[in-house]
Amino acid sequence: MPQIAAGTPLQTVITTFEVTPGSCQDLLDHLQDAYDNVIRHQPGFIAAGLHVNDAQTRIANYSQWQRREDFQAMLRTEEMRKRNRVINDICKSFEPVMYEVMHSFG
């Protein structure tokens, strides 16, 4: 499970994907397959979640890693480079951004 707390020494990555309602499920299928078969088995992976907006035009992916370098190493694997080319063809755009949790509530 993700750990959302200030001061947690983890790397949080939020990736947003811009899609069309017609391609949303296709991209979700590819992302789920990537997590099931590749990403969750990579060193440093902790947890992730996939979120879809009501209009099915945006997918947000929240993931946590032990270290920034673990996330970067996963992206550099040949398998993920191949998968990301397919993902890029399905969506209009996607952008992974690394964050530090500053505050949490609840």
PDB file of N, CA and C in Angstrom:
ATOM      1  N   MET A   1       0.835  -1.180   0.000  1.00  0.00           N
ATOM      2  CA  MET A   1       0.000   0.000   0.000  1.00  0.00           C
ATOM      3  C   MET A   1       0.881   1.245   0.000  1.00  0.00           C
ATOM      4  N   PRO A   2       0.451   2.275  -0.730  1.00  0.00           N
ATOM      5  CA  PRO A   2       1.213   3.531  -0.706  1.00  0.00           C
ATOM      6  C   PRO A   2       1.270   4.109   0.709  1.00  0.00           C
ATOM      7  N   GLN A   3       2.368   4.740   1.014  1.00  0.00           N
ATOM      8  CA  GLN A   3       2.557   5.424   2.291  1.00  0.00           C
ATOM      9  C   GLN A   3       2.594   6.915   2.017  1.00  0.00           C
ATOM     10  N   ILE A   4       1.503   7.601   2.327  1.00  0.00           N
ATOM     11  CA  ILE A   4       1.424   9.032   2.047  1.00  0.00           C
ATOM     12  C   ILE A   4       1.599   9.774   3.362  1.00  0.00           C
ATOM     13  N   ALA A   5       2.825  10.198   3.627  1.00  0.00           N
ATOM     14  CA  ALA A   5       3.135  10.919   4.849  1.00  0.00           C
ATOM     15  C   ALA A   5       4.373  11.777   4.615  1.00  0.00           C
ATOM     16  N   ALA A   6       4.314  12.997   5.125  1.00  0.00           N
ATOM     17  CA  ALA A   6       5.472  13.883   5.018  1.00  0.00           C
ATOM     18  C   ALA A   6       6.658  13.238   5.722  1.00  0.00           C
ATOM     19  N   GLY A   7       7.813  13.401   5.148  1.00  0.00           N
ATOM     20  CA  GLY A   7       9.018  12.870   5.755  1.00  0.00           C
ATOM     21  C   GLY A   7       9.310  11.417   5.436  1.00  0.00           C
ATOM     22  N   THR A   8       8.402  10.763   4.719  1.00  0.00           N
ATOM     23  CA  THR A   8       8.649   9.380   4.324  1.00  0.00           C
ATOM     24  C   THR A   8       9.770   9.369   3.289  1.00  0.00           C
ATOM     25  N   PRO A   9      10.815   8.603   3.510  1.00  0.00           N
ATOM     26  CA  PRO A   9      11.952   8.639   2.583  1.00  0.00           C
ATOM     27  C   PRO A   9      11.723   7.780   1.336  1.00  0.00           C
ATOM     28  N   LEU A  10      10.631   8.051   0.642  1.00  0.00           N
ATOM     29  CA  LEU A  10      10.279   7.304  -0.559  1.00  0.00           C
ATOM     30  C   LEU A  10      10.180   8.245  -1.747  1.00  0.00           C
ATOM     31  N   GLN A  11      10.261   7.676  -2.944  1.00  0.00           N
ATOM     32  CA  GLN A  11      10.063   8.460  -4.164  1.00  0.00           C
ATOM     33  C   GLN A  11       8.632   8.264  -4.641  1.00  0.00           C
ATOM     34  N   THR A  12       7.875   9.336  -4.692  1.00  0.00           N
ATOM     35  CA  THR A  12       6.513   9.302  -5.210  1.00  0.00           C
ATOM     36  C   THR A  12       6.542   9.789  -6.652  1.00  0.00           C
ATOM     37  N   VAL A  13       5.867   9.051  -7.533  1.00  0.00           N
ATOM     38  CA  VAL A  13       5.785   9.434  -8.943  1.00  0.00           C
ATOM     39  C   VAL A  13       4.315   9.484  -9.328  1.00  0.00           C
ATOM     40  N   ILE A  14       3.893  10.614  -9.875  1.00  0.00           N
ATOM     41  CA  ILE A  14       2.535  10.749 -10.390  1.00  0.00           C
ATOM     42  C   ILE A  14       2.657  10.972 -11.898  1.00  0.00           C
ATOM     43  N   THR A  15       2.072  10.055 -12.650  1.00  0.00           N
ATOM     44  CA  THR A  15       2.107  10.134 -14.109  1.00  0.00           C
ATOM     45  C   THR A  15       0.696  10.378 -14.603  1.00  0.00           C
ATOM     46  N   THR A  16       0.538  11.387 -15.446  1.00  0.00           N
ATOM     47  CA  THR A  16      -0.765  11.663 -16.040  1.00  0.00           C
ATOM     48  C   THR A  16      -0.715  11.326 -17.528  1.00  0.00           C
ATOM     49  N   PHE A  17      -1.787  10.710 -17.983  1.00  0.00           N
ATOM     50  CA  PHE A  17      -1.925  10.306 -19.384  1.00  0.00           C
ATOM     51  C   PHE A  17      -3.146  11.004 -19.958  1.00  0.00           C
ATOM     52  N   GLU A  18      -3.010  11.610 -21.108  1.00  0.00           N
ATOM     53  CA  GLU A  18      -4.147  12.202 -21.808  1.00  0.00           C
ATOM     54  C   GLU A  18      -4.598  11.198 -22.868  1.00  0.00           C
ATOM     55  N   VAL A  19      -5.871  10.798 -22.790  1.00  0.00           N
ATOM     56  CA  VAL A  19      -6.412   9.777 -23.685  1.00  0.00           C
ATOM     57  C   VAL A  19      -7.757  10.238 -24.233  1.00  0.00           C
ATOM     58  N   THR A  20      -8.329   9.438 -25.112  1.00  0.00           N
ATOM     59  CA  THR A  20      -9.702   9.658 -25.569  1.00  0.00           C
ATOM     60  C   THR A  20     -10.577   8.600 -24.903  1.00  0.00           C
ATOM     61  N   PRO A  21     -11.884   8.850 -24.825  1.00  0.00           N
ATOM     62  CA  PRO A  21     -12.752   7.812 -24.259  1.00  0.00           C
ATOM     63  C   PRO A  21     -12.610   6.480 -24.999  1.00  0.00           C
ATOM     64  N   GLY A  22     -12.298   6.521 -26.273  1.00  0.00           N
ATOM     65  CA  GLY A  22     -12.141   5.296 -27.049  1.00  0.00           C
ATOM     66  C   GLY A  22     -10.844   4.557 -26.787  1.00  0.00           C
ATOM     67  N   SER A  23      -9.833   5.247 -26.277  1.00  0.00           N
ATOM     68  CA  SER A  23      -8.542   4.593 -26.022  1.00  0.00           C
ATOM     69  C   SER A  23      -8.263   4.382 -24.537  1.00  0.00           C
ATOM     70  N   CYS A  24      -9.128   4.890 -23.672  1.00  0.00           N
ATOM     71  CA  CYS A  24      -8.897   4.809 -22.224  1.00  0.00           C
ATOM     72  C   CYS A  24      -8.749   3.366 -21.748  1.00  0.00           C
ATOM     73  N   GLN A  25      -9.677   2.501 -22.106  1.00  0.00           N
ATOM     74  CA  GLN A  25      -9.609   1.113 -21.645  1.00  0.00           C
ATOM     75  C   GLN A  25      -8.406   0.385 -22.233  1.00  0.00           C
ATOM     76  N   ASP A  26      -8.072   0.693 -23.484  1.00  0.00           N
ATOM     77  CA  ASP A  26      -6.882   0.079 -24.096  1.00  0.00           C
ATOM     78  C   ASP A  26      -5.631   0.417 -23.289  1.00  0.00           C
ATOM     79  N   LEU A  27      -5.505   1.692 -22.921  1.00  0.00           N
ATOM     80  CA  LEU A  27      -4.334   2.094 -22.152  1.00  0.00           C
ATOM     81  C   LEU A  27      -4.357   1.469 -20.763  1.00  0.00           C
ATOM     82  N   LEU A  28      -5.519   1.447 -20.121  1.00  0.00           N
ATOM     83  CA  LEU A  28      -5.616   0.786 -18.811  1.00  0.00           C
ATOM     84  C   LEU A  28      -5.173  -0.671 -18.891  1.00  0.00           C
ATOM     85  N   ASP A  29      -5.583  -1.363 -19.936  1.00  0.00           N
ATOM     86  CA  ASP A  29      -5.181  -2.758 -20.111  1.00  0.00           C
ATOM     87  C   ASP A  29      -3.663  -2.888 -20.223  1.00  0.00           C
ATOM     88  N   HIS A  30      -3.038  -1.992 -20.999  1.00  0.00           N
ATOM     89  CA  HIS A  30      -1.579  -2.031 -21.160  1.00  0.00           C
ATOM     90  C   HIS A  30      -0.874  -1.699 -19.844  1.00  0.00           C
ATOM     91  N   LEU A  31      -1.377  -0.704 -19.116  1.00  0.00           N
ATOM     92  CA  LEU A  31      -0.763  -0.336 -17.846  1.00  0.00           C
ATOM     93  C   LEU A  31      -0.904  -1.457 -16.823  1.00  0.00           C
ATOM     94  N   GLN A  32      -2.082  -2.060 -16.750  1.00  0.00           N
ATOM     95  CA  GLN A  32      -2.275  -3.158 -15.811  1.00  0.00           C
ATOM     96  C   GLN A  32      -1.351  -4.323 -16.136  1.00  0.00           C
ATOM     97  N   ASP A  33      -1.210  -4.639 -17.410  1.00  0.00           N
ATOM     98  CA  ASP A  33      -0.307  -5.712 -17.812  1.00  0.00           C
ATOM     99  C   ASP A  33       1.138  -5.377 -17.449  1.00  0.00           C
ATOM    100  N   ALA A  34       1.528  -4.117 -17.647  1.00  0.00           N
ATOM    101  CA  ALA A  34       2.896  -3.704 -17.298  1.00  0.00           C
ATOM    102  C   ALA A  34       3.139  -3.848 -15.799  1.00  0.00           C
ATOM    103  N   TYR A  35       2.166  -3.441 -14.995  1.00  0.00           N
ATOM    104  CA  TYR A  35       2.323  -3.589 -13.541  1.00  0.00           C
ATOM    105  C   TYR A  35       2.329  -5.058 -13.130  1.00  0.00           C
ATOM    106  N   ASP A  36       1.408  -5.840 -13.684  1.00  0.00           N
ATOM    107  CA  ASP A  36       1.312  -7.255 -13.308  1.00  0.00           C
ATOM    108  C   ASP A  36       2.558  -8.047 -13.676  1.00  0.00           C
ATOM    109  N   ASN A  37       3.128  -7.763 -14.845  1.00  0.00           N
ATOM    110  CA  ASN A  37       4.193  -8.611 -15.369  1.00  0.00           C
ATOM    111  C   ASN A  37       5.602  -8.040 -15.297  1.00  0.00           C
ATOM    112  N   VAL A  38       5.727  -6.729 -15.114  1.00  0.00           N
ATOM    113  CA  VAL A  38       7.064  -6.129 -15.139  1.00  0.00           C
ATOM    114  C   VAL A  38       7.314  -5.217 -13.933  1.00  0.00           C
ATOM    115  N   ILE A  39       6.552  -4.137 -13.833  1.00  0.00           N
ATOM    116  CA  ILE A  39       6.888  -3.059 -12.900  1.00  0.00           C
ATOM    117  C   ILE A  39       6.913  -3.518 -11.452  1.00  0.00           C
ATOM    118  N   ARG A  40       5.887  -4.236 -11.020  1.00  0.00           N
ATOM    119  CA  ARG A  40       5.809  -4.615  -9.599  1.00  0.00           C
ATOM    120  C   ARG A  40       6.917  -5.580  -9.175  1.00  0.00           C
ATOM    121  N   HIS A  41       7.619  -6.148 -10.150  1.00  0.00           N
ATOM    122  CA  HIS A  41       8.715  -7.070  -9.856  1.00  0.00           C
ATOM    123  C   HIS A  41      10.084  -6.380  -9.846  1.00  0.00           C
ATOM    124  N   GLN A  42      10.098  -5.077 -10.113  1.00  0.00           N
ATOM    125  CA  GLN A  42      11.360  -4.347 -10.190  1.00  0.00           C
ATOM    126  C   GLN A  42      11.860  -3.987  -8.794  1.00  0.00           C
ATOM    127  N   PRO A  43      13.171  -3.981  -8.606  1.00  0.00           N
ATOM    128  CA  PRO A  43      13.735  -3.600  -7.303  1.00  0.00           C
ATOM    129  C   PRO A  43      13.272  -2.198  -6.898  1.00  0.00           C
ATOM    130  N   GLY A  44      12.869  -2.070  -5.645  1.00  0.00           N
ATOM    131  CA  GLY A  44      12.479  -0.772  -5.110  1.00  0.00           C
ATOM    132  C   GLY A  44      11.013  -0.416  -5.264  1.00  0.00           C
ATOM    133  N   PHE A  45      10.261  -1.201  -6.028  1.00  0.00           N
ATOM    134  CA  PHE A  45       8.833  -0.902  -6.196  1.00  0.00           C
ATOM    135  C   PHE A  45       8.097  -1.159  -4.887  1.00  0.00           C
ATOM    136  N   ILE A  46       7.209  -0.234  -4.500  1.00  0.00           N
ATOM    137  CA  ILE A  46       6.421  -0.378  -3.274  1.00  0.00           C
ATOM    138  C   ILE A  46       4.953  -0.616  -3.603  1.00  0.00           C
ATOM    139  N   ALA A  47       4.331   0.323  -4.321  1.00  0.00           N
ATOM    140  CA  ALA A  47       2.899   0.214  -4.604  1.00  0.00           C
ATOM    141  C   ALA A  47       2.525   1.206  -5.694  1.00  0.00           C
ATOM    142  N   ALA A  48       1.317   1.012  -6.246  1.00  0.00           N
ATOM    143  CA  ALA A  48       0.827   1.927  -7.281  1.00  0.00           C
ATOM    144  C   ALA A  48      -0.690   1.855  -7.347  1.00  0.00           C
ATOM    145  N   GLY A  49      -1.272   2.852  -7.960  1.00  0.00           N
ATOM    146  CA  GLY A  49      -2.706   2.872  -8.207  1.00  0.00           C
ATOM    147  C   GLY A  49      -2.981   3.574  -9.525  1.00  0.00           C
ATOM    148  N   LEU A  50      -4.034   3.130 -10.203  1.00  0.00           N
ATOM    149  CA  LEU A  50      -4.455   3.753 -11.451  1.00  0.00           C
ATOM    150  C   LEU A  50      -5.817   4.409 -11.229  1.00  0.00           C
ATOM    151  N   HIS A  51      -5.974   5.626 -11.702  1.00  0.00           N
ATOM    152  CA  HIS A  51      -7.199   6.399 -11.516  1.00  0.00           C
ATOM    153  C   HIS A  51      -7.659   6.919 -12.876  1.00  0.00           C
ATOM    154  N   VAL A  52      -8.978   6.929 -13.099  1.00  0.00           N
ATOM    155  CA  VAL A  52      -9.545   7.422 -14.364  1.00  0.00           C
ATOM    156  C   VAL A  52     -10.583   8.485 -14.048  1.00  0.00           C
ATOM    157  N   ASN A  53     -10.569   9.588 -14.805  1.00  0.00           N
ATOM    158  CA  ASN A  53     -11.594  10.607 -14.586  1.00  0.00           C
ATOM    159  C   ASN A  53     -12.921  10.168 -15.207  1.00  0.00           C
ATOM    160  N   ASP A  54     -13.997  10.847 -14.835  1.00  0.00           N
ATOM    161  CA  ASP A  54     -15.338  10.466 -15.282  1.00  0.00           C
ATOM    162  C   ASP A  54     -15.494  10.486 -16.803  1.00  0.00           C
ATOM    163  N   ALA A  55     -14.832  11.425 -17.462  1.00  0.00           N
ATOM    164  CA  ALA A  55     -14.958  11.559 -18.916  1.00  0.00           C
ATOM    165  C   ALA A  55     -14.080  10.570 -19.677  1.00  0.00           C
ATOM    166  N   GLN A  56     -13.257   9.825 -18.972  1.00  0.00           N
ATOM    167  CA  GLN A  56     -12.309   8.883 -19.560  1.00  0.00           C
ATOM    168  C   GLN A  56     -11.350   9.561 -20.542  1.00  0.00           C
ATOM    169  N   THR A  57     -10.916  10.766 -20.153  1.00  0.00           N
ATOM    170  CA  THR A  57      -9.936  11.499 -20.955  1.00  0.00           C
ATOM    171  C   THR A  57      -8.602  11.666 -20.244  1.00  0.00           C
ATOM    172  N   ARG A  58      -8.535  11.226 -18.987  1.00  0.00           N
ATOM    173  CA  ARG A  58      -7.304  11.309 -18.208  1.00  0.00           C
ATOM    174  C   ARG A  58      -7.148  10.045 -17.359  1.00  0.00           C
ATOM    175  N   ILE A  59      -5.938   9.561 -17.317  1.00  0.00           N
ATOM    176  CA  ILE A  59      -5.569   8.494 -16.399  1.00  0.00           C
ATOM    177  C   ILE A  59      -4.439   9.048 -15.541  1.00  0.00           C
ATOM    178  N   ALA A  60      -4.558   8.868 -14.240  1.00  0.00           N
ATOM    179  CA  ALA A  60      -3.488   9.265 -13.327  1.00  0.00           C
ATOM    180  C   ALA A  60      -2.939   7.990 -12.686  1.00  0.00           C
ATOM    181  N   ASN A  61      -1.638   7.903 -12.645  1.00  0.00           N
ATOM    182  CA  ASN A  61      -0.953   6.760 -12.046  1.00  0.00           C
ATOM    183  C   ASN A  61      -0.113   7.284 -10.892  1.00  0.00           C
ATOM    184  N   TYR A  62      -0.373   6.743  -9.700  1.00  0.00           N
ATOM    185  CA  TYR A  62       0.376   7.104  -8.503  1.00  0.00           C
ATOM    186  C   TYR A  62       1.244   5.903  -8.147  1.00  0.00           C
ATOM    187  N   SER A  63       2.543   6.104  -8.062  1.00  0.00           N
ATOM    188  CA  SER A  63       3.410   4.986  -7.672  1.00  0.00           C
ATOM    189  C   SER A  63       4.449   5.455  -6.670  1.00  0.00           C
ATOM    190  N   GLN A  64       4.917   4.507  -5.866  1.00  0.00           N
ATOM    191  CA  GLN A  64       5.964   4.801  -4.901  1.00  0.00           C
ATOM    192  C   GLN A  64       7.101   3.797  -5.049  1.00  0.00           C
ATOM    193  N   TRP A  65       8.287   4.321  -4.834  1.00  0.00           N
ATOM    194  CA  TRP A  65       9.524   3.564  -4.987  1.00  0.00           C
ATOM    195  C   TRP A  65      10.420   3.829  -3.800  1.00  0.00           C
ATOM    196  N   GLN A  66      11.288   2.889  -3.489  1.00  0.00           N
ATOM    197  CA  GLN A  66      12.241   3.083  -2.397  1.00  0.00           C
ATOM    198  C   GLN A  66      13.145   4.280  -2.671  1.00  0.00           C
ATOM    199  N   ARG A  67      13.608   4.368  -3.935  1.00  0.00           N
ATOM    200  CA  ARG A  67      14.536   5.445  -4.308  1.00  0.00           C
ATOM    201  C   ARG A  67      14.222   5.926  -5.715  1.00  0.00           C
ATOM    202  N   ARG A  68      14.568   7.151  -5.993  1.00  0.00           N
ATOM    203  CA  ARG A  68      14.423   7.738  -7.332  1.00  0.00           C
ATOM    204  C   ARG A  68      15.131   6.869  -8.368  1.00  0.00           C
ATOM    205  N   GLU A  69      16.298   6.371  -8.016  1.00  0.00           N
ATOM    206  CA  GLU A  69      17.093   5.562  -8.946  1.00  0.00           C
ATOM    207  C   GLU A  69      16.384   4.258  -9.313  1.00  0.00           C
ATOM    208  N   ASP A  70      15.586   3.722  -8.399  1.00  0.00           N
ATOM    209  CA  ASP A  70      14.837   2.498  -8.701  1.00  0.00           C
ATOM    210  C   ASP A  70      13.813   2.755  -9.802  1.00  0.00           C
ATOM    211  N   PHE A  71      13.094   3.860  -9.699  1.00  0.00           N
ATOM    212  CA  PHE A  71      12.114   4.220 -10.731  1.00  0.00           C
ATOM    213  C   PHE A  71      12.822   4.445 -12.068  1.00  0.00           C
ATOM    214  N   GLN A  72      13.909   5.186 -12.043  1.00  0.00           N
ATOM    215  CA  GLN A  72      14.639   5.469 -13.275  1.00  0.00           C
ATOM    216  C   GLN A  72      15.194   4.199 -13.907  1.00  0.00           C
ATOM    217  N   ALA A  73      15.683   3.278 -13.090  1.00  0.00           N
ATOM    218  CA  ALA A  73      16.210   2.012 -13.613  1.00  0.00           C
ATOM    219  C   ALA A  73      15.105   1.202 -14.280  1.00  0.00           C
ATOM    220  N   MET A  74      13.905   1.203 -13.699  1.00  0.00           N
ATOM    221  CA  MET A  74      12.775   0.487 -14.301  1.00  0.00           C
ATOM    222  C   MET A  74      12.475   1.057 -15.687  1.00  0.00           C
ATOM    223  N   LEU A  75      12.467   2.383 -15.805  1.00  0.00           N
ATOM    224  CA  LEU A  75      12.189   3.009 -17.106  1.00  0.00           C
ATOM    225  C   LEU A  75      13.222   2.644 -18.159  1.00  0.00           C
ATOM    226  N   ARG A  76      14.442   2.383 -17.737  1.00  0.00           N
ATOM    227  CA  ARG A  76      15.538   2.097 -18.677  1.00  0.00           C
ATOM    228  C   ARG A  76      15.609   0.639 -19.120  1.00  0.00           C
ATOM    229  N   THR A  77      14.814  -0.238 -18.500  1.00  0.00           N
ATOM    230  CA  THR A  77      14.869  -1.635 -18.927  1.00  0.00           C
ATOM    231  C   THR A  77      14.367  -1.743 -20.367  1.00  0.00           C
ATOM    232  N   GLU A  78      14.891  -2.697 -21.087  1.00  0.00           N
ATOM    233  CA  GLU A  78      14.478  -2.886 -22.484  1.00  0.00           C
ATOM    234  C   GLU A  78      12.977  -3.153 -22.578  1.00  0.00           C
ATOM    235  N   GLU A  79      12.454  -3.954 -21.653  1.00  0.00           N
ATOM    236  CA  GLU A  79      11.020  -4.279 -21.669  1.00  0.00           C
ATOM    237  C   GLU A  79      10.158  -3.030 -21.497  1.00  0.00           C
ATOM    238  N   MET A  80      10.509  -2.152 -20.563  1.00  0.00           N
ATOM    239  CA  MET A  80       9.693  -0.952 -20.356  1.00  0.00           C
ATOM    240  C   MET A  80       9.895   0.071 -21.476  1.00  0.00           C
ATOM    241  N   ARG A  81      11.070   0.107 -22.045  1.00  0.00           N
ATOM    242  CA  ARG A  81      11.267   1.005 -23.198  1.00  0.00           C
ATOM    243  C   ARG A  81      10.355   0.574 -24.341  1.00  0.00           C
ATOM    244  N   LYS A  82      10.238  -0.729 -24.559  1.00  0.00           N
ATOM    245  CA  LYS A  82       9.356  -1.260 -25.600  1.00  0.00           C
ATOM    246  C   LYS A  82       7.893  -0.960 -25.253  1.00  0.00           C
ATOM    247  N   ARG A  83       7.509  -1.207 -24.024  1.00  0.00           N
ATOM    248  CA  ARG A  83       6.128  -0.964 -23.597  1.00  0.00           C
ATOM    249  C   ARG A  83       5.778   0.522 -23.656  1.00  0.00           C
ATOM    250  N   ASN A  84       6.706   1.387 -23.285  1.00  0.00           N
ATOM    251  CA  ASN A  84       6.421   2.824 -23.317  1.00  0.00           C
ATOM    252  C   ASN A  84       6.237   3.349 -24.733  1.00  0.00           C
ATOM    253  N   ARG A  85       6.873   2.730 -25.707  1.00  0.00           N
ATOM    254  CA  ARG A  85       6.627   3.126 -27.098  1.00  0.00           C
ATOM    255  C   ARG A  85       5.184   2.806 -27.502  1.00  0.00           C
ATOM    256  N   VAL A  86       4.661   1.663 -27.064  1.00  0.00           N
ATOM    257  CA  VAL A  86       3.272   1.285 -27.335  1.00  0.00           C
ATOM    258  C   VAL A  86       2.324   2.240 -26.607  1.00  0.00           C
ATOM    259  N   ILE A  87       2.618   2.508 -25.337  1.00  0.00           N
ATOM    260  CA  ILE A  87       1.789   3.429 -24.553  1.00  0.00           C
ATOM    261  C   ILE A  87       1.755   4.798 -25.209  1.00  0.00           C
ATOM    262  N   ASN A  88       2.889   5.259 -25.680  1.00  0.00           N
ATOM    263  CA  ASN A  88       2.961   6.562 -26.346  1.00  0.00           C
ATOM    264  C   ASN A  88       2.078   6.609 -27.586  1.00  0.00           C
ATOM    265  N   ASP A  89       1.969   5.496 -28.292  1.00  0.00           N
ATOM    266  CA  ASP A  89       1.119   5.440 -29.486  1.00  0.00           C
ATOM    267  C   ASP A  89      -0.368   5.457 -29.142  1.00  0.00           C
ATOM    268  N   ILE A  90      -0.738   4.967 -27.959  1.00  0.00           N
ATOM    269  CA  ILE A  90      -2.149   4.887 -27.563  1.00  0.00           C
ATOM    270  C   ILE A  90      -2.664   6.224 -27.032  1.00  0.00           C
ATOM    271  N   CYS A  91      -1.843   6.941 -26.276  1.00  0.00           N
ATOM    272  CA  CYS A  91      -2.338   8.172 -25.645  1.00  0.00           C
ATOM    273  C   CYS A  91      -1.840   9.405 -26.387  1.00  0.00           C
ATOM    274  N   LYS A  92      -2.502  10.524 -26.098  1.00  0.00           N
ATOM    275  CA  LYS A  92      -2.094  11.790 -26.707  1.00  0.00           C
ATOM    276  C   LYS A  92      -0.778  12.278 -26.107  1.00  0.00           C
ATOM    277  N   SER A  93      -0.635  12.085 -24.790  1.00  0.00           N
ATOM    278  CA  SER A  93       0.599  12.473 -24.102  1.00  0.00           C
ATOM    279  C   SER A  93       0.639  11.794 -22.744  1.00  0.00           C
ATOM    280  N   PHE A  94       1.834  11.678 -22.195  1.00  0.00           N
ATOM    281  CA  PHE A  94       1.969  11.244 -20.805  1.00  0.00           C
ATOM    282  C   PHE A  94       3.223  11.855 -20.212  1.00  0.00           C
ATOM    283  N   GLU A  95       3.141  12.105 -18.891  1.00  0.00           N
ATOM    284  CA  GLU A  95       4.247  12.777 -18.224  1.00  0.00           C
ATOM    285  C   GLU A  95       4.415  12.246 -16.798  1.00  0.00           C
ATOM    286  N   PRO A  96       5.512  11.545 -16.532  1.00  0.00           N
ATOM    287  CA  PRO A  96       5.805  11.154 -15.149  1.00  0.00           C
ATOM    288  C   PRO A  96       6.539  12.293 -14.436  1.00  0.00           C
ATOM    289  N   VAL A  97       6.093  12.605 -13.223  1.00  0.00           N
ATOM    290  CA  VAL A  97       6.723  13.664 -12.435  1.00  0.00           C
ATOM    291  C   VAL A  97       7.010  13.111 -11.039  1.00  0.00           C
ATOM    292  N   MET A  98       8.223  13.353 -10.548  1.00  0.00           N
ATOM    293  CA  MET A  98       8.614  12.888  -9.218  1.00  0.00           C
ATOM    294  C   MET A  98       8.268  13.958  -8.186  1.00  0.00           C
ATOM    295  N   TYR A  99       7.680  13.489  -7.068  1.00  0.00           N
ATOM    296  CA  TYR A  99       7.235  14.399  -6.019  1.00  0.00           C
ATOM    297  C   TYR A  99       7.758  13.972  -4.659  1.00  0.00           C
ATOM    298  N   GLU A 100       7.807  14.929  -3.747  1.00  0.00           N
ATOM    299  CA  GLU A 100       8.077  14.680  -2.334  1.00  0.00           C
ATOM    300  C   GLU A 100       6.795  15.047  -1.578  1.00  0.00           C
ATOM    301  N   VAL A 101       6.324  14.173  -0.691  1.00  0.00           N
ATOM    302  CA  VAL A 101       5.129  14.471   0.104  1.00  0.00           C
ATOM    303  C   VAL A 101       5.489  15.539   1.132  1.00  0.00           C
ATOM    304  N   MET A 102       4.784  16.654   1.107  1.00  0.00           N
ATOM    305  CA  MET A 102       5.041  17.747   2.036  1.00  0.00           C
ATOM    306  C   MET A 102       4.095  17.714   3.229  1.00  0.00           C
ATOM    307  N   HIS A 103       2.825  17.338   3.007  1.00  0.00           N
ATOM    308  CA  HIS A 103       1.830  17.260   4.066  1.00  0.00           C
ATOM    309  C   HIS A 103       0.832  16.156   3.701  1.00  0.00           C
ATOM    310  N   SER A 104       0.250  15.545   4.685  1.00  0.00           N
ATOM    311  CA  SER A 104      -0.846  14.601   4.436  1.00  0.00           C
ATOM    312  C   SER A 104      -1.929  14.853   5.485  1.00  0.00           C
ATOM    313  N   PHE A 105      -3.155  14.546   5.120  1.00  0.00           N
ATOM    314  CA  PHE A 105      -4.293  14.833   5.985  1.00  0.00           C
ATOM    315  C   PHE A 105      -5.183  13.597   6.046  1.00  0.00           C
ATOM    316  N   GLY A 106      -5.755  13.346   7.195  1.00  0.00           N
ATOM    317  CA  GLY A 106      -6.707  12.263   7.326  1.00  0.00           C
ATOM    318  C   GLY A 106      -6.154  11.016   7.930  1.00  0.00           C
TER     319      GLY A 106
END
